[in-house]
Amino acid sequence: MQVNNLAPYYTDLIKSAIDSGKYRTESDVIEAGLELLRKEELQQSLLESAIKHGEDSGLALPFNNEEFKTKMHLKIK
């Protein structure tokens, strides 16, 4: 694969990755980068979904830390 129209920084990065022996071809480097992008976008989507779920769940109920600790200590005994 011949990489065209990339900034010199990126072509140097691809060349370095190949020269390091970690990747064999330009395609391998680009595929690895695209896989990272896919994973990052999936993680972002899951995070946004979790935030939306939290926002939709309503306001938090009051929480008494001391009462909670007392209940937990009673359960341990």
C-alpha atoms as a PDB file:
ATOM      1  CA  MET A   1       0.000   0.000   0.000  1.00  0.00           C
ATOM      2  CA  GLN A   2       1.377   3.363  -0.960  1.00  0.00           C
ATOM      3  CA  VAL A   3       0.375   6.087   1.498  1.00  0.00           C
ATOM      4  CA  ASN A   4      -0.181   9.395  -0.276  1.00  0.00           C
ATOM      5  CA  ASN A   5      -1.336  12.798   0.885  1.00  0.00           C
ATOM      6  CA  LEU A   6      -0.322  12.316   4.506  1.00  0.00           C
ATOM      7  CA  ALA A   7       1.611  14.927   6.420  1.00  0.00           C
ATOM      8  CA  PRO A   8       5.306  14.070   6.743  1.00  0.00           C
ATOM      9  CA  TYR A   9       4.808  13.470  10.469  1.00  0.00           C
ATOM     10  CA  TYR A  10       2.442  10.585   9.731  1.00  0.00           C
ATOM     11  CA  THR A  11       4.537   9.056   6.967  1.00  0.00           C
ATOM     12  CA  ASP A  12       7.541   9.182   9.323  1.00  0.00           C
ATOM     13  CA  LEU A  13       5.452   7.572  12.062  1.00  0.00           C
ATOM     14  CA  ILE A  14       4.414   4.757   9.728  1.00  0.00           C
ATOM     15  CA  LYS A  15       8.004   4.266   8.581  1.00  0.00           C
ATOM     16  CA  SER A  16       9.213   4.171  12.217  1.00  0.00           C
ATOM     17  CA  ALA A  17       6.596   1.582  13.132  1.00  0.00           C
ATOM     18  CA  ILE A  18       7.695  -0.632  10.242  1.00  0.00           C
ATOM     19  CA  ASP A  19      11.417  -0.070  10.940  1.00  0.00           C
ATOM     20  CA  SER A  20      10.866  -1.110  14.567  1.00  0.00           C
ATOM     21  CA  GLY A  21       9.797  -4.531  13.336  1.00  0.00           C
ATOM     22  CA  LYS A  22       6.446  -4.355  15.081  1.00  0.00           C
ATOM     23  CA  TYR A  23       4.617  -3.977  11.769  1.00  0.00           C
ATOM     24  CA  ARG A  24       5.441  -5.438   8.372  1.00  0.00           C
ATOM     25  CA  THR A  25       3.576  -3.103   6.052  1.00  0.00           C
ATOM     26  CA  GLU A  26       1.980   0.323   5.866  1.00  0.00           C
ATOM     27  CA  SER A  27      -1.380  -1.445   5.802  1.00  0.00           C
ATOM     28  CA  ASP A  28      -0.607  -3.162   9.107  1.00  0.00           C
ATOM     29  CA  VAL A  29       0.171   0.196  10.741  1.00  0.00           C
ATOM     30  CA  ILE A  30      -2.955   1.849   9.363  1.00  0.00           C
ATOM     31  CA  GLU A  31      -5.159  -1.112  10.330  1.00  0.00           C
ATOM     32  CA  ALA A  32      -3.799  -0.979  13.893  1.00  0.00           C
ATOM     33  CA  GLY A  33      -4.562   2.742  14.043  1.00  0.00           C
ATOM     34  CA  LEU A  34      -8.062   2.232  12.701  1.00  0.00           C
ATOM     35  CA  GLU A  35      -8.686  -0.520  15.247  1.00  0.00           C
ATOM     36  CA  LEU A  36      -7.662   1.857  18.041  1.00  0.00           C
ATOM     37  CA  LEU A  37     -10.011   4.473  16.606  1.00  0.00           C
ATOM     38  CA  ARG A  38     -12.860   1.927  16.476  1.00  0.00           C
ATOM     39  CA  LYS A  39     -12.266   0.931  20.108  1.00  0.00           C
ATOM     40  CA  GLU A  40     -12.058   4.552  21.233  1.00  0.00           C
ATOM     41  CA  GLU A  41     -15.312   5.420  19.479  1.00  0.00           C
ATOM     42  CA  LEU A  42     -17.026   2.382  21.004  1.00  0.00           C
ATOM     43  CA  GLN A  43     -15.780   3.346  24.464  1.00  0.00           C
ATOM     44  CA  GLN A  44     -17.004   6.918  23.919  1.00  0.00           C
ATOM     45  CA  SER A  45     -20.413   5.626  22.842  1.00  0.00           C
ATOM     46  CA  LEU A  46     -20.691   3.357  25.891  1.00  0.00           C
ATOM     47  CA  LEU A  47     -19.694   6.214  28.188  1.00  0.00           C
ATOM     48  CA  GLU A  48     -22.259   8.549  26.634  1.00  0.00           C
ATOM     49  CA  SER A  49     -24.907   5.841  27.016  1.00  0.00           C
ATOM     50  CA  ALA A  50     -24.021   5.323  30.688  1.00  0.00           C
ATOM     51  CA  ILE A  51     -24.152   9.066  31.335  1.00  0.00           C
ATOM     52  CA  LYS A  52     -27.554   9.290  29.641  1.00  0.00           C
ATOM     53  CA  HIS A  53     -28.804   6.341  31.714  1.00  0.00           C
ATOM     54  CA  GLY A  54     -27.612   8.065  34.887  1.00  0.00           C
ATOM     55  CA  GLU A  55     -29.218  11.358  33.937  1.00  0.00           C
ATOM     56  CA  ASP A  56     -32.497   9.603  33.112  1.00  0.00           C
ATOM     57  CA  SER A  57     -32.533   7.741  36.437  1.00  0.00           C
ATOM     58  CA  GLY A  58     -33.542  10.863  38.347  1.00  0.00           C
ATOM     59  CA  LEU A  59     -32.172  12.589  41.381  1.00  0.00           C
ATOM     60  CA  ALA A  60     -30.144  10.678  43.926  1.00  0.00           C
ATOM     61  CA  LEU A  61     -31.765   9.908  47.254  1.00  0.00           C
ATOM     62  CA  PRO A  62     -30.244  11.353  50.419  1.00  0.00           C
ATOM     63  CA  PHE A  63     -27.497   9.122  51.785  1.00  0.00           C
ATOM     64  CA  ASN A  64     -26.469   8.836  55.420  1.00  0.00           C
ATOM     65  CA  ASN A  65     -22.934   7.497  55.555  1.00  0.00           C
ATOM     66  CA  GLU A  66     -22.971   6.784  59.304  1.00  0.00           C
ATOM     67  CA  GLU A  67     -26.254   4.866  59.069  1.00  0.00           C
ATOM     68  CA  PHE A  68     -24.874   2.828  56.187  1.00  0.00           C
ATOM     69  CA  LYS A  69     -21.684   1.950  58.107  1.00  0.00           C
ATOM     70  CA  THR A  70     -23.725   0.897  61.137  1.00  0.00           C
ATOM     71  CA  LYS A  71     -25.884  -1.400  59.008  1.00  0.00           C
ATOM     72  CA  MET A  72     -22.827  -2.928  57.383  1.00  0.00           C
ATOM     73  CA  HIS A  73     -21.153  -3.572  60.744  1.00  0.00           C
ATOM     74  CA  LEU A  74     -24.319  -5.289  62.001  1.00  0.00           C
ATOM     75  CA  LYS A  75     -24.363  -7.552  58.926  1.00  0.00           C
ATOM     76  CA  ILE A  76     -20.747  -8.599  59.524  1.00  0.00           C
ATOM     77  CA  LYS A  77     -21.417  -9.687  63.118  1.00  0.00           C
END
